PDB file of N, CA and C in Angstrom:
ATOM      1  N   MET A   1       7.226  -2.548  44.999  1.00  0.00           N
ATOM      2  CA  MET A   1       6.641  -3.459  43.762  1.00  0.00           C
ATOM      3  C   MET A   1       7.867  -4.544  43.638  1.00  0.00           C
ATOM      4  N   LYS A   2       7.046  -6.222  43.647  1.00  0.00           N
ATOM      5  CA  LYS A   2       7.801  -7.192  42.922  1.00  0.00           C
ATOM      6  C   LYS A   2       8.747  -7.223  42.535  1.00  0.00           C
ATOM      7  N   LYS A   3       9.996  -7.438  42.159  1.00  0.00           N
ATOM      8  CA  LYS A   3      10.676  -8.395  41.259  1.00  0.00           C
ATOM      9  C   LYS A   3       9.799  -8.867  40.074  1.00  0.00           C
ATOM     10  N   ALA A   4       9.082  -9.615  40.551  1.00  0.00           N
ATOM     11  CA  ALA A   4       8.390  -9.918  39.035  1.00  0.00           C
ATOM     12  C   ALA A   4       7.337  -9.388  38.493  1.00  0.00           C
ATOM     13  N   ASP A   5       6.229  -8.364  39.287  1.00  0.00           N
ATOM     14  CA  ASP A   5       5.228  -7.570  38.583  1.00  0.00           C
ATOM     15  C   ASP A   5       6.816  -6.518  37.624  1.00  0.00           C
ATOM     16  N   LYS A   6       8.187  -6.145  38.043  1.00  0.00           N
ATOM     17  CA  LYS A   6       8.562  -5.599  37.803  1.00  0.00           C
ATOM     18  C   LYS A   6       9.651  -5.865  36.371  1.00  0.00           C
ATOM     19  N   TYR A   7       9.483  -6.985  36.321  1.00  0.00           N
ATOM     20  CA  TYR A   7       9.861  -7.959  35.407  1.00  0.00           C
ATOM     21  C   TYR A   7       8.324  -8.132  33.745  1.00  0.00           C
ATOM     22  N   LEU A   8       7.628  -8.828  34.500  1.00  0.00           N
ATOM     23  CA  LEU A   8       6.461  -8.990  33.488  1.00  0.00           C
ATOM     24  C   LEU A   8       6.558  -7.208  32.947  1.00  0.00           C
ATOM     25  N   ARG A   9       6.221  -6.120  33.685  1.00  0.00           N
ATOM     26  CA  ARG A   9       6.007  -5.130  32.221  1.00  0.00           C
ATOM     27  C   ARG A   9       7.243  -4.984  31.735  1.00  0.00           C
ATOM     28  N   ASN A  10       8.135  -5.117  32.257  1.00  0.00           N
ATOM     29  CA  ASN A  10       8.694  -4.460  31.114  1.00  0.00           C
ATOM     30  C   ASN A  10       8.585  -5.612  29.609  1.00  0.00           C
ATOM     31  N   HIS A  11       8.406  -6.887  29.785  1.00  0.00           N
ATOM     32  CA  HIS A  11       8.746  -7.870  29.093  1.00  0.00           C
ATOM     33  C   HIS A  11       6.658  -7.043  28.503  1.00  0.00           C
ATOM     34  N   LYS A  12       5.866  -6.383  29.184  1.00  0.00           N
ATOM     35  CA  LYS A  12       4.519  -5.576  28.156  1.00  0.00           C
ATOM     36  C   LYS A  12       5.157  -4.898  27.167  1.00  0.00           C
ATOM     37  N   VAL A  13       6.245  -4.342  27.613  1.00  0.00           N
ATOM     38  CA  VAL A  13       6.389  -2.850  27.294  1.00  0.00           C
ATOM     39  C   VAL A  13       7.274  -3.449  26.033  1.00  0.00           C
ATOM     40  N   LEU A  14       8.287  -4.055  26.493  1.00  0.00           N
ATOM     41  CA  LEU A  14       9.110  -4.681  25.010  1.00  0.00           C
ATOM     42  C   LEU A  14       8.657  -5.173  24.290  1.00  0.00           C
ATOM     43  N   PHE A  15       7.652  -6.545  23.784  1.00  0.00           N
ATOM     44  CA  PHE A  15       6.399  -6.955  23.833  1.00  0.00           C
ATOM     45  C   PHE A  15       5.314  -5.858  22.741  1.00  0.00           C
ATOM     46  N   THR A  16       4.709  -4.678  23.237  1.00  0.00           N
ATOM     47  CA  THR A  16       4.373  -3.478  22.304  1.00  0.00           C
ATOM     48  C   THR A  16       4.680  -2.561  21.540  1.00  0.00           C
ATOM     49  N   SER A  17       6.212  -2.943  22.020  1.00  0.00           N
ATOM     50  CA  SER A  17       7.275  -2.009  20.730  1.00  0.00           C
ATOM     51  C   SER A  17       7.267  -2.707  19.909  1.00  0.00           C
ATOM     52  N   VAL A  18       7.508  -4.597  20.143  1.00  0.00           N
ATOM     53  CA  VAL A  18       8.171  -5.082  18.892  1.00  0.00           C
ATOM     54  C   VAL A  18       6.267  -5.194  17.266  1.00  0.00           C
ATOM     55  N   ILE A  19       5.188  -5.398  18.287  1.00  0.00           N
ATOM     56  CA  ILE A  19       4.052  -5.188  17.576  1.00  0.00           C
ATOM     57  C   ILE A  19       4.430  -4.055  16.821  1.00  0.00           C
ATOM     58  N   LEU A  20       4.327  -2.878  17.363  1.00  0.00           N
ATOM     59  CA  LEU A  20       3.401  -1.413  17.006  1.00  0.00           C
ATOM     60  C   LEU A  20       5.287  -1.497  15.387  1.00  0.00           C
ATOM     61  N   THR A  21       7.039  -1.575  15.972  1.00  0.00           N
ATOM     62  CA  THR A  21       7.570  -1.687  15.190  1.00  0.00           C
ATOM     63  C   THR A  21       6.609  -2.484  13.662  1.00  0.00           C
ATOM     64  N   MET A  22       6.399  -3.302  13.868  1.00  0.00           N
ATOM     65  CA  MET A  22       5.946  -4.248  12.886  1.00  0.00           C
ATOM     66  C   MET A  22       4.741  -3.751  11.471  1.00  0.00           C
ATOM     67  N   PHE A  23       4.004  -3.672  12.760  1.00  0.00           N
ATOM     68  CA  PHE A  23       2.916  -2.476  12.602  1.00  0.00           C
ATOM     69  C   PHE A  23       3.157  -1.676  11.347  1.00  0.00           C
ATOM     70  N   VAL A  24       4.352  -0.681  11.264  1.00  0.00           N
ATOM     71  CA  VAL A  24       4.229   0.543  10.926  1.00  0.00           C
ATOM     72  C   VAL A  24       5.422  -0.135   9.577  1.00  0.00           C
ATOM     73  N   ILE A  25       6.464  -1.281   9.967  1.00  0.00           N
ATOM     74  CA  ILE A  25       6.840  -1.876   8.866  1.00  0.00           C
ATOM     75  C   ILE A  25       6.426  -2.437   7.880  1.00  0.00           C
ATOM     76  N   LEU A  26       4.806  -2.739   8.146  1.00  0.00           N
ATOM     77  CA  LEU A  26       3.938  -3.807   7.064  1.00  0.00           C
ATOM     78  C   LEU A  26       3.664  -2.700   6.481  1.00  0.00           C
ATOM     79  N   ILE A  27       2.319  -1.537   7.463  1.00  0.00           N
ATOM     80  CA  ILE A  27       2.229  -0.385   6.649  1.00  0.00           C
ATOM     81  C   ILE A  27       3.008   0.667   5.395  1.00  0.00           C
ATOM     82  N   ALA A  28       4.753   0.695   6.002  1.00  0.00           N
ATOM     83  CA  ALA A  28       5.561   1.273   5.011  1.00  0.00           C
ATOM     84  C   ALA A  28       5.563   0.378   3.777  1.00  0.00           C
ATOM     85  N   GLY A  29       5.998  -0.780   3.852  1.00  0.00           N
ATOM     86  CA  GLY A  29       5.870  -1.327   3.104  1.00  0.00           C
ATOM     87  C   GLY A  29       4.878  -1.925   2.045  1.00  0.00           C
ATOM     88  N   ILE A  30       3.528  -1.935   2.490  1.00  0.00           N
ATOM     89  CA  ILE A  30       2.395  -1.370   1.565  1.00  0.00           C
ATOM     90  C   ILE A  30       2.213  -0.060   1.268  1.00  0.00           C
ATOM     91  N   TYR A  31       2.188   0.768   1.236  1.00  0.00           N
ATOM     92  CA  TYR A  31       2.580   1.908   0.717  1.00  0.00           C
ATOM     93  C   TYR A  31       3.804   2.015  -0.422  1.00  0.00           C
ATOM     94  N   GLY A  32       4.880   1.235  -0.113  1.00  0.00           N
ATOM     95  CA  GLY A  32       5.764   1.301  -1.195  1.00  0.00           C
ATOM     96  C   GLY A  32       5.360   0.401  -2.330  1.00  0.00           C
ATOM     97  N   VAL A  33       4.029  -0.542  -1.950  1.00  0.00           N
ATOM     98  CA  VAL A  33       3.448  -1.878  -3.199  1.00  0.00           C
ATOM     99  C   VAL A  33       3.082  -0.697  -4.554  1.00  0.00           C
ATOM    100  N   LEU A  34       2.128   0.089  -3.191  1.00  0.00           N
ATOM    101  CA  LEU A  34       1.101   0.725  -3.907  1.00  0.00           C
ATOM    102  C   LEU A  34       1.755   1.427  -4.620  1.00  0.00           C
ATOM    103  N   TYR A  35       2.471   2.376  -4.043  1.00  0.00           N
ATOM    104  CA  TYR A  35       3.462   3.687  -4.829  1.00  0.00           C
ATOM    105  C   TYR A  35       4.125   2.868  -6.394  1.00  0.00           C
ATOM    106  N   PHE A  36       4.855   1.874  -6.314  1.00  0.00           N
ATOM    107  CA  PHE A  36       6.053   1.941  -7.265  1.00  0.00           C
ATOM    108  C   PHE A  36       4.499   0.827  -8.366  1.00  0.00           C
ATOM    109  N   GLU A  37       3.616   0.708  -8.281  1.00  0.00           N
ATOM    110  CA  GLU A  37       1.993   0.033  -9.012  1.00  0.00           C
ATOM    111  C   GLU A  37       2.053   1.256  -9.358  1.00  0.00           C
ATOM    112  N   LYS A  38       1.265   2.439  -8.734  1.00  0.00           N
ATOM    113  CA  LYS A  38       0.968   3.387  -9.509  1.00  0.00           C
ATOM    114  C   LYS A  38       1.952   3.775 -10.743  1.00  0.00           C
ATOM    115  N   ALA A  39       2.631   4.304  -9.731  1.00  0.00           N
ATOM    116  CA  ALA A  39       3.955   4.708 -10.851  1.00  0.00           C
ATOM    117  C   ALA A  39       4.486   3.596 -12.092  1.00  0.00           C
ATOM    118  N   HIS A  40       3.906   2.137 -12.528  1.00  0.00           N
ATOM    119  CA  HIS A  40       4.225   1.696 -13.789  1.00  0.00           C
ATOM    120  C   HIS A  40       3.363   1.650 -13.841  1.00  0.00           C
ATOM    121  N   SER A  41       1.831   1.621 -13.848  1.00  0.00           N
ATOM    122  CA  SER A  41       0.071   1.377 -14.501  1.00  0.00           C
ATOM    123  C   SER A  41       0.101   2.332 -15.774  1.00  0.00           C
ATOM    124  N   THR A  42       0.431   3.591 -16.136  1.00  0.00           N
ATOM    125  CA  THR A  42       0.688   4.227 -16.956  1.00  0.00           C
ATOM    126  C   THR A  42       1.973   5.007 -17.336  1.00  0.00           C
ATOM    127  N   PHE A  43       1.527   5.557 -18.813  1.00  0.00           N
ATOM    128  CA  PHE A  43       2.843   6.170 -19.358  1.00  0.00           C
ATOM    129  C   PHE A  43       2.963   7.173 -18.453  1.00  0.00           C
ATOM    130  N   GLU A  44       2.335   8.489 -18.086  1.00  0.00           N
ATOM    131  CA  GLU A  44       1.868   9.625 -17.861  1.00  0.00           C
ATOM    132  C   GLU A  44       2.675   9.749 -16.285  1.00  0.00           C
ATOM    133  N   ASN A  45       2.244   8.248 -15.886  1.00  0.00           N
ATOM    134  CA  ASN A  45       3.142   8.251 -14.407  1.00  0.00           C
ATOM    135  C   ASN A  45       4.885   7.771 -14.292  1.00  0.00           C
ATOM    136  N   TYR A  46       4.934   6.674 -15.066  1.00  0.00           N
ATOM    137  CA  TYR A  46       6.009   6.441 -15.068  1.00  0.00           C
ATOM    138  C   TYR A  46       6.884   7.417 -16.124  1.00  0.00           C
ATOM    139  N   TYR A  47       6.860   8.600 -16.116  1.00  0.00           N
ATOM    140  CA  TYR A  47       7.301   9.484 -17.554  1.00  0.00           C
ATOM    141  C   TYR A  47       7.392  10.506 -16.072  1.00  0.00           C
ATOM    142  N   ALA A  48       6.661  10.946 -15.009  1.00  0.00           N
ATOM    143  CA  ALA A  48       7.192  11.444 -13.848  1.00  0.00           C
ATOM    144  C   ALA A  48       7.709  11.049 -13.136  1.00  0.00           C
ATOM    145  N   PHE A  49       7.425   9.649 -12.964  1.00  0.00           N
ATOM    146  CA  PHE A  49       8.173   8.603 -11.268  1.00  0.00           C
ATOM    147  C   PHE A  49      10.023   8.777 -11.845  1.00  0.00           C
ATOM    148  N   ARG A  50      10.078   8.616 -13.139  1.00  0.00           N
ATOM    149  CA  ARG A  50      11.406   8.801 -13.806  1.00  0.00           C
ATOM    150  C   ARG A  50      11.591   9.816 -13.527  1.00  0.00           C
ATOM    151  N   GLY A  51      10.792  10.893 -13.882  1.00  0.00           N
ATOM    152  CA  GLY A  51      11.782  12.556 -14.097  1.00  0.00           C
ATOM    153  C   GLY A  51      11.997  13.086 -14.877  1.00  0.00           C
ATOM    154  N   CYS A  52      11.667  12.690 -15.780  1.00  0.00           N
ATOM    155  CA  CYS A  52      11.562  13.347 -17.227  1.00  0.00           C
ATOM    156  C   CYS A  52      11.382  14.488 -17.114  1.00  0.00           C
ATOM    157  N   ARG A  53      11.673  15.434 -18.126  1.00  0.00           N
ATOM    158  CA  ARG A  53      12.009  16.381 -18.723  1.00  0.00           C
ATOM    159  C   ARG A  53      10.975  17.054 -19.766  1.00  0.00           C
ATOM    160  N   LYS A  54      11.879  16.499 -21.208  1.00  0.00           N
ATOM    161  CA  LYS A  54      11.477  16.807 -22.058  1.00  0.00           C
ATOM    162  C   LYS A  54      10.684  15.156 -22.972  1.00  0.00           C
ATOM    163  N   LEU A  55      10.024  14.875 -23.773  1.00  0.00           N
ATOM    164  CA  LEU A  55       9.546  13.626 -24.621  1.00  0.00           C
ATOM    165  C   LEU A  55      10.716  13.173 -25.970  1.00  0.00           C
ATOM    166  N   VAL A  56      11.538  12.920 -25.907  1.00  0.00           N
ATOM    167  CA  VAL A  56      12.339  13.057 -27.821  1.00  0.00           C
ATOM    168  C   VAL A  56      11.522  12.516 -28.164  1.00  0.00           C
ATOM    169  N   GLN A  57      10.881  11.020 -28.345  1.00  0.00           N
ATOM    170  CA  GLN A  57      10.370  10.016 -29.470  1.00  0.00           C
ATOM    171  C   GLN A  57       9.214   9.128 -28.084  1.00  0.00           C
ATOM    172  N   LYS A  58       8.232   8.620 -29.111  1.00  0.00           N
ATOM    173  CA  LYS A  58       7.109   7.751 -27.934  1.00  0.00           C
ATOM    174  C   LYS A  58       6.185   7.387 -28.880  1.00  0.00           C
ATOM    175  N   THR A  59       6.253   6.409 -29.540  1.00  0.00           N
ATOM    176  CA  THR A  59       5.264   4.713 -29.845  1.00  0.00           C
ATOM    177  C   THR A  59       4.209   4.128 -28.417  1.00  0.00           C
ATOM    178  N   ASP A  60       3.622   3.644 -28.701  1.00  0.00           N
ATOM    179  CA  ASP A  60       2.531   2.863 -28.330  1.00  0.00           C
ATOM    180  C   ASP A  60       3.716   1.827 -27.254  1.00  0.00           C
ATOM    181  N   THR A  61       5.134   1.524 -27.818  1.00  0.00           N
ATOM    182  CA  THR A  61       5.947   0.171 -27.150  1.00  0.00           C
ATOM    183  C   THR A  61       6.911   0.564 -26.102  1.00  0.00           C
ATOM    184  N   TYR A  62       7.131   2.244 -26.845  1.00  0.00           N
ATOM    185  CA  TYR A  62       8.041   2.413 -25.979  1.00  0.00           C
ATOM    186  C   TYR A  62       8.686   4.385 -25.866  1.00  0.00           C
ATOM    187  N   ALA A  63       9.374   5.059 -25.361  1.00  0.00           N
ATOM    188  CA  ALA A  63       9.740   6.206 -25.176  1.00  0.00           C
ATOM    189  C   ALA A  63      10.856   6.535 -24.616  1.00  0.00           C
ATOM    190  N   VAL A  64      11.768   7.736 -25.127  1.00  0.00           N
ATOM    191  CA  VAL A  64      12.437   8.069 -25.092  1.00  0.00           C
ATOM    192  C   VAL A  64      12.351   9.224 -24.347  1.00  0.00           C
ATOM    193  N   CYS A  65      12.968  10.257 -23.142  1.00  0.00           N
ATOM    194  CA  CYS A  65      13.213  11.133 -22.515  1.00  0.00           C
ATOM    195  C   CYS A  65      14.151  11.955 -23.039  1.00  0.00           C
ATOM    196  N   LYS A  66      14.440  12.730 -22.153  1.00  0.00           N
ATOM    197  CA  LYS A  66      15.570  13.708 -21.228  1.00  0.00           C
ATOM    198  C   LYS A  66      15.600  13.540 -20.148  1.00  0.00           C
ATOM    199  N   LEU A  67      15.821  13.460 -18.763  1.00  0.00           N
ATOM    200  CA  LEU A  67      15.902  13.691 -17.694  1.00  0.00           C
ATOM    201  C   LEU A  67      16.597  15.067 -17.538  1.00  0.00           C
ATOM    202  N   ASP A  68      16.510  16.086 -16.113  1.00  0.00           N
ATOM    203  CA  ASP A  68      17.214  17.209 -16.420  1.00  0.00           C
ATOM    204  C   ASP A  68      18.805  17.457 -16.263  1.00  0.00           C
ATOM    205  N   THR A  69      19.123  16.262 -16.283  1.00  0.00           N
ATOM    206  CA  THR A  69      21.238  16.113 -16.426  1.00  0.00           C
ATOM    207  C   THR A  69      21.352  16.355 -18.251  1.00  0.00           C
ATOM    208  N   GLY A  70      20.326  16.117 -18.839  1.00  0.00           N
ATOM    209  CA  GLY A  70      20.604  15.735 -20.205  1.00  0.00           C
ATOM    210  C   GLY A  70      20.647  13.885 -20.893  1.00  0.00           C
ATOM    211  N   GLN A  71      20.578  13.502 -19.816  1.00  0.00           N
ATOM    212  CA  GLN A  71      20.993  11.823 -20.177  1.00  0.00           C
ATOM    213  C   GLN A  71      19.294  11.453 -20.806  1.00  0.00           C
ATOM    214  N   ALA A  72      19.778  11.444 -21.540  1.00  0.00           N
ATOM    215  CA  ALA A  72      18.383  10.326 -22.562  1.00  0.00           C
ATOM    216  C   ALA A  72      17.857   8.754 -21.978  1.00  0.00           C
ATOM    217  N   ILE A  73      16.929   8.671 -22.002  1.00  0.00           N
ATOM    218  CA  ILE A  73      16.879   7.369 -21.042  1.00  0.00           C
ATOM    219  C   ILE A  73      15.282   6.730 -22.138  1.00  0.00           C
ATOM    220  N   LYS A  74      14.957   5.159 -21.534  1.00  0.00           N
ATOM    221  CA  LYS A  74      14.678   4.997 -22.813  1.00  0.00           C
ATOM    222  C   LYS A  74      13.365   3.824 -21.960  1.00  0.00           C
ATOM    223  N   ILE A  75      12.032   3.801 -21.875  1.00  0.00           N
ATOM    224  CA  ILE A  75      11.124   3.415 -21.054  1.00  0.00           C
ATOM    225  C   ILE A  75       9.963   2.436 -21.885  1.00  0.00           C
ATOM    226  N   VAL A  76      10.134   1.632 -21.524  1.00  0.00           N
ATOM    227  CA  VAL A  76       9.335   0.419 -22.337  1.00  0.00           C
ATOM    228  C   VAL A  76       8.081  -0.222 -22.209  1.00  0.00           C
ATOM    229  N   LYS A  77       7.045  -0.914 -22.843  1.00  0.00           N
ATOM    230  CA  LYS A  77       5.709  -1.510 -22.440  1.00  0.00           C
ATOM    231  C   LYS A  77       6.255  -2.687 -22.355  1.00  0.00           C
ATOM    232  N   TYR A  78       5.248  -3.445 -20.694  1.00  0.00           N
ATOM    233  CA  TYR A  78       6.108  -4.825 -20.939  1.00  0.00           C
ATOM    234  C   TYR A  78       4.485  -5.081 -20.114  1.00  0.00           C
ATOM    235  N   GLN A  79       3.872  -6.643 -20.219  1.00  0.00           N
ATOM    236  CA  GLN A  79       2.568  -6.587 -19.988  1.00  0.00           C
ATOM    237  C   GLN A  79       1.999  -5.628 -18.804  1.00  0.00           C
ATOM    238  N   ASP A  80       1.411  -4.632 -19.714  1.00  0.00           N
ATOM    239  CA  ASP A  80       1.219  -3.426 -19.670  1.00  0.00           C
ATOM    240  C   ASP A  80       1.279  -2.497 -18.508  1.00  0.00           C
ATOM    241  N   LYS A  81       2.084  -2.240 -18.587  1.00  0.00           N
ATOM    242  CA  LYS A  81       2.621  -1.815 -17.365  1.00  0.00           C
ATOM    243  C   LYS A  81       4.019  -0.818 -18.103  1.00  0.00           C
ATOM    244  N   TRP A  82       4.756   0.198 -17.630  1.00  0.00           N
ATOM    245  CA  TRP A  82       5.919   1.292 -18.028  1.00  0.00           C
ATOM    246  C   TRP A  82       7.211   1.108 -17.130  1.00  0.00           C
ATOM    247  N   TYR A  83       8.451   0.744 -17.905  1.00  0.00           N
ATOM    248  CA  TYR A  83       9.823  -0.256 -17.268  1.00  0.00           C
ATOM    249  C   TYR A  83      10.559   0.729 -18.221  1.00  0.00           C
ATOM    250  N   LEU A  84      11.426   1.248 -17.116  1.00  0.00           N
ATOM    251  CA  LEU A  84      13.022   2.030 -18.118  1.00  0.00           C
ATOM    252  C   LEU A  84      13.618   0.299 -18.535  1.00  0.00           C
ATOM    253  N   ASP A  85      14.265   0.480 -19.982  1.00  0.00           N
ATOM    254  CA  ASP A  85      14.497  -0.537 -20.737  1.00  0.00           C
ATOM    255  C   ASP A  85      15.973  -1.223 -20.223  1.00  0.00           C
ATOM    256  N   GLY A  86      15.810  -2.481 -19.745  1.00  0.00           N
ATOM    257  CA  GLY A  86      16.536  -3.375 -19.343  1.00  0.00           C
ATOM    258  C   GLY A  86      17.055  -3.311 -17.673  1.00  0.00           C
ATOM    259  N   ASP A  87      15.036  -2.730 -17.179  1.00  0.00           N
ATOM    260  CA  ASP A  87      15.530  -2.852 -15.744  1.00  0.00           C
ATOM    261  C   ASP A  87      13.601  -3.800 -15.781  1.00  0.00           C
ATOM    262  N   LEU A  88      13.603  -4.751 -16.877  1.00  0.00           N
ATOM    263  CA  LEU A  88      11.847  -5.633 -16.302  1.00  0.00           C
ATOM    264  C   LEU A  88      12.269  -6.357 -15.234  1.00  0.00           C
ATOM    265  N   PRO A  89      10.937  -6.827 -14.844  1.00  0.00           N
ATOM    266  CA  PRO A  89      10.536  -7.515 -13.890  1.00  0.00           C
ATOM    267  C   PRO A  89      10.773  -9.179 -14.579  1.00  0.00           C
ATOM    268  N   CYS A  90      11.074 -10.408 -13.496  1.00  0.00           N
ATOM    269  CA  CYS A  90      11.866 -11.819 -13.993  1.00  0.00           C
ATOM    270  C   CYS A  90      11.193 -12.707 -12.784  1.00  0.00           C
ATOM    271  N   GLY A  91      10.345 -11.901 -12.425  1.00  0.00           N
ATOM    272  CA  GLY A  91       9.676 -12.814 -11.316  1.00  0.00           C
ATOM    273  C   GLY A  91      10.825 -13.236 -10.360  1.00  0.00           C
ATOM    274  N   PHE A  92      10.102 -14.585  -9.575  1.00  0.00           N
ATOM    275  CA  PHE A  92      10.795 -15.396  -8.385  1.00  0.00           C
ATOM    276  C   PHE A  92      12.167 -16.321  -9.590  1.00  0.00           C
ATOM    277  N   LEU A  93      12.505 -15.738 -10.908  1.00  0.00           N
ATOM    278  CA  LEU A  93      13.888 -16.774 -11.886  1.00  0.00           C
ATOM    279  C   LEU A  93      14.528 -16.146 -12.178  1.00  0.00           C
ATOM    280  N   CYS A  94      15.000 -14.723 -10.761  1.00  0.00           N
ATOM    281  CA  CYS A  94      15.837 -14.364 -11.488  1.00  0.00           C
ATOM    282  C   CYS A  94      16.524 -14.764 -10.439  1.00  0.00           C
ATOM    283  N   PHE A  95      18.133 -15.376 -10.977  1.00  0.00           N
ATOM    284  CA  PHE A  95      19.740 -16.084 -10.774  1.00  0.00           C
ATOM    285  C   PHE A  95      20.636 -14.678 -10.481  1.00  0.00           C
TER     286      PHE A  95
END
């Protein structure tokens, strides 16, 4: 086998590996975005996502629940999505 052929074959393998790695990262990123979108979409989904075990109080805009550890957390509704109180999205203007 010529040296140039071996060099070309090694570059094809490297290129293929880089493309496959980028594809896996892209798929994982899309999955992550969809997973978190679903978690924030309804109160029930977010309640389960946060690991709440006991509902202490609930209104249309917030809820307080207890975790397995006994810690009470407050979840709030913001722009028709549910978030942990104090952890609201701020978009690209976060500093």
